[in-house]
C-alpha atoms as a PDB file:
ATOM      1  CA  MET A   1      -8.480  -3.931  12.110  1.00  0.00           C
ATOM      2  CA  SER A   2      -9.747  -0.849  13.887  1.00  0.00           C
ATOM      3  CA  THR A   3     -10.148   2.434  12.062  1.00  0.00           C
ATOM      4  CA  ASP A   4      -7.475   3.935  14.329  1.00  0.00           C
ATOM      5  CA  GLN A   5      -4.979   1.253  13.297  1.00  0.00           C
ATOM      6  CA  LEU A   6      -5.924   1.766   9.662  1.00  0.00           C
ATOM      7  CA  SER A   7      -5.243   5.473  10.070  1.00  0.00           C
ATOM      8  CA  VAL A   8      -1.824   4.741  11.527  1.00  0.00           C
ATOM      9  CA  THR A   9      -1.062   2.287   8.725  1.00  0.00           C
ATOM     10  CA  PHE A  10      -2.161   4.636   5.947  1.00  0.00           C
ATOM     11  CA  ALA A  11      -0.316   7.568   7.552  1.00  0.00           C
ATOM     12  CA  ALA A  12       2.864   5.482   7.580  1.00  0.00           C
ATOM     13  CA  LEU A  13       2.323   4.492   3.951  1.00  0.00           C
ATOM     14  CA  ALA A  14       1.690   8.095   2.898  1.00  0.00           C
ATOM     15  CA  ASP A  15       5.397   8.883   2.760  1.00  0.00           C
ATOM     16  CA  PRO A  16       7.337   7.751  -0.347  1.00  0.00           C
ATOM     17  CA  THR A  17      10.510   7.127   1.668  1.00  0.00           C
ATOM     18  CA  ARG A  18       8.667   4.738   3.959  1.00  0.00           C
ATOM     19  CA  ARG A  19       7.088   2.958   0.990  1.00  0.00           C
ATOM     20  CA  ALA A  20      10.556   2.552  -0.543  1.00  0.00           C
ATOM     21  CA  ILE A  21      11.849   1.141   2.740  1.00  0.00           C
ATOM     22  CA  LEU A  22       9.003  -1.390   2.780  1.00  0.00           C
ATOM     23  CA  ALA A  23       9.775  -2.358  -0.818  1.00  0.00           C
ATOM     24  CA  HIS A  24      13.392  -2.972   0.173  1.00  0.00           C
ATOM     25  CA  LEU A  25      12.346  -5.048   3.165  1.00  0.00           C
ATOM     26  CA  ALA A  26      10.042  -7.127   0.963  1.00  0.00           C
ATOM     27  CA  LEU A  27      13.281  -8.561  -0.451  1.00  0.00           C
ATOM     28  CA  GLY A  28      14.522  -9.572   3.003  1.00  0.00           C
ATOM     29  CA  GLU A  29      15.919  -8.273   6.277  1.00  0.00           C
ATOM     30  CA  ALA A  30      18.203  -5.257   6.178  1.00  0.00           C
ATOM     31  CA  SER A  31      20.119  -3.051   8.581  1.00  0.00           C
ATOM     32  CA  VAL A  32      19.411   0.636   9.069  1.00  0.00           C
ATOM     33  CA  THR A  33      22.604   1.428   7.147  1.00  0.00           C
ATOM     34  CA  GLU A  34      21.501  -0.722   4.218  1.00  0.00           C
ATOM     35  CA  LEU A  35      18.065   0.883   4.228  1.00  0.00           C
ATOM     36  CA  ALA A  36      19.591   4.374   4.295  1.00  0.00           C
ATOM     37  CA  GLN A  37      21.882   3.839   1.290  1.00  0.00           C
ATOM     38  CA  PRO A  38      19.477   4.871  -1.497  1.00  0.00           C
ATOM     39  CA  PHE A  39      18.430   8.056   0.290  1.00  0.00           C
ATOM     40  CA  GLU A  40      20.160  11.371   0.723  1.00  0.00           C
ATOM     41  CA  MET A  41      19.351  11.680   4.411  1.00  0.00           C
ATOM     42  CA  SER A  42      21.026  11.014   7.707  1.00  0.00           C
ATOM     43  CA  LEU A  43      20.791   7.788   9.675  1.00  0.00           C
ATOM     44  CA  PRO A  44      18.755   9.562  12.387  1.00  0.00           C
ATOM     45  CA  ALA A  45      16.250  10.657   9.714  1.00  0.00           C
ATOM     46  CA  ILE A  46      15.975   7.070   8.442  1.00  0.00           C
ATOM     47  CA  SER A  47      15.574   5.892  12.038  1.00  0.00           C
ATOM     48  CA  LYS A  48      12.618   8.251  12.440  1.00  0.00           C
ATOM     49  CA  HIS A  49      10.984   6.721   9.369  1.00  0.00           C
ATOM     50  CA  LEU A  50      11.633   3.253  10.796  1.00  0.00           C
ATOM     51  CA  LYS A  51      10.009   4.224  14.097  1.00  0.00           C
ATOM     52  CA  VAL A  52       6.868   5.337  12.243  1.00  0.00           C
ATOM     53  CA  LEU A  53       6.792   2.036  10.354  1.00  0.00           C
ATOM     54  CA  GLU A  54       7.394   0.091  13.555  1.00  0.00           C
ATOM     55  CA  ARG A  55       4.609   1.910  15.439  1.00  0.00           C
ATOM     56  CA  ALA A  56       2.267   1.108  12.549  1.00  0.00           C
ATOM     57  CA  GLY A  57       3.202  -2.562  12.861  1.00  0.00           C
ATOM     58  CA  LEU A  58       4.628  -2.627   9.339  1.00  0.00           C
ATOM     59  CA  ILE A  59       8.148  -3.600  10.385  1.00  0.00           C
ATOM     60  CA  ALA A  60       9.867  -5.264  13.311  1.00  0.00           C
ATOM     61  CA  ARG A  61      13.430  -4.803  14.476  1.00  0.00           C
ATOM     62  CA  GLY A  62      15.528  -7.578  15.878  1.00  0.00           C
ATOM     63  CA  ARG A  63      18.801  -7.638  17.717  1.00  0.00           C
ATOM     64  CA  GLU A  64      21.719  -9.851  16.746  1.00  0.00           C
ATOM     65  CA  ALA A  65      24.853  -8.699  18.564  1.00  0.00           C
ATOM     66  CA  GLN A  66      25.576  -5.227  17.129  1.00  0.00           C
ATOM     67  CA  TRP A  67      23.346  -5.759  14.104  1.00  0.00           C
ATOM     68  CA  ARG A  68      19.703  -4.649  14.380  1.00  0.00           C
ATOM     69  CA  PRO A  69      17.990  -6.147  11.357  1.00  0.00           C
ATOM     70  CA  CYS A  70      14.640  -4.776  10.218  1.00  0.00           C
ATOM     71  CA  ARG A  71      12.055  -7.048   8.647  1.00  0.00           C
ATOM     72  CA  LEU A  72       8.689  -6.561   7.013  1.00  0.00           C
ATOM     73  CA  GLU A  73       5.603  -7.446   9.053  1.00  0.00           C
ATOM     74  CA  ALA A  74       3.004  -8.215   6.417  1.00  0.00           C
ATOM     75  CA  GLN A  75      -0.074  -8.529   8.652  1.00  0.00           C
ATOM     76  CA  ALA A  76      -0.748  -4.782   8.866  1.00  0.00           C
ATOM     77  CA  LEU A  77      -0.388  -4.539   5.081  1.00  0.00           C
ATOM     78  CA  LYS A  78      -2.796  -7.441   4.626  1.00  0.00           C
ATOM     79  CA  GLU A  79      -5.369  -5.784   6.859  1.00  0.00           C
ATOM     80  CA  ALA A  80      -5.079  -2.522   4.913  1.00  0.00           C
ATOM     81  CA  ALA A  81      -5.328  -4.434   1.617  1.00  0.00           C
ATOM     82  CA  ASP A  82      -8.433  -6.254   2.877  1.00  0.00           C
ATOM     83  CA  TRP A  83     -10.034  -2.915   3.720  1.00  0.00           C
ATOM     84  CA  ILE A  84      -9.184  -1.538   0.268  1.00  0.00           C
ATOM     85  CA  GLU A  85     -10.491  -4.720  -1.385  1.00  0.00           C
ATOM     86  CA  GLN A  86     -14.032  -3.895  -0.270  1.00  0.00           C
ATOM     87  CA  TYR A  87     -13.884  -0.683  -2.261  1.00  0.00           C
ATOM     88  CA  ARG A  88     -12.278  -2.318  -5.296  1.00  0.00           C
ATOM     89  CA  GLN A  89     -15.235  -4.684  -5.491  1.00  0.00           C
ATOM     90  CA  PHE A  90     -17.635  -1.736  -5.148  1.00  0.00           C
ATOM     91  CA  TRP A  91     -16.003   0.131  -8.044  1.00  0.00           C
ATOM     92  CA  GLU A  92     -15.783  -2.953 -10.218  1.00  0.00           C
ATOM     93  CA  GLN A  93     -19.508  -3.542  -9.762  1.00  0.00           C
ATOM     94  CA  ASN A  94     -20.262   0.089 -10.612  1.00  0.00           C
ATOM     95  CA  LEU A  95     -18.029  -0.022 -13.664  1.00  0.00           C
ATOM     96  CA  ASP A  96     -19.670  -3.259 -14.811  1.00  0.00           C
ATOM     97  CA  ARG A  97     -23.096  -1.581 -14.570  1.00  0.00           C
ATOM     98  CA  LEU A  98     -21.774   1.441 -16.468  1.00  0.00           C
ATOM     99  CA  ASP A  99     -20.363  -0.844 -19.159  1.00  0.00           C
ATOM    100  CA  GLU A 100     -23.741  -2.581 -19.524  1.00  0.00           C
ATOM    101  CA  TYR A 101     -25.483   0.792 -19.809  1.00  0.00           C
ATOM    102  CA  LEU A 102     -23.023   2.029 -22.437  1.00  0.00           C
ATOM    103  CA  GLN A 103     -23.455  -1.158 -24.450  1.00  0.00           C
ATOM    104  CA  GLN A 104     -27.217  -0.670 -24.279  1.00  0.00           C
ATOM    105  CA  LEU A 105     -26.896   2.926 -25.537  1.00  0.00           C
ATOM    106  CA  GLN A 106     -24.583   1.821 -28.320  1.00  0.00           C
ATOM    107  CA  ALA A 107     -27.025  -0.904 -29.376  1.00  0.00           C
ATOM    108  CA  GLU A 108     -29.848   1.669 -29.463  1.00  0.00           C
ATOM    109  CA  ASP A 109     -27.701   4.026 -31.570  1.00  0.00           C
ATOM    110  CA  ASN A 110     -26.813   1.240 -33.968  1.00  0.00           C
ATOM    111  CA  LYS A 111     -30.501   0.297 -34.270  1.00  0.00           C
ATOM    112  CA  ARG A 112     -31.461   3.932 -35.054  1.00  0.00           C
ATOM    113  CA  ASP A 113     -28.678   4.192 -37.652  1.00  0.00           C
ATOM    114  CA  ARG A 114     -30.065   1.164 -39.526  1.00  0.00           C
ATOM    115  CA  GLU A 115     -33.650   2.453 -39.580  1.00  0.00           C
ATOM    116  CA  PRO A 116     -34.708   4.283 -42.757  1.00  0.00           C
END
């Protein structure tokens, strides 16, 4: 995934309304009206959020007669998660080293406390 696509993905995910829409779509396809129900905003405002998500490749919209179902496209999320995973491993390794160091300091303190 290119850095530009990652930027688009993370920008789309930065908004809590869009994250809530994605959470709803994780349960299955939904119409714009269904997606708008939990929010106090107009359908055009929801449609703008959907366009951002669609441009980021996070959702796709179909067409079935008059119904335009939206569905989650997980690939962009997977690519963002893979990118984040690299940094999770980095921090886990650093925290493991810190834990080892703290255990070493604690052992030294315990040793000094037992000495006369």
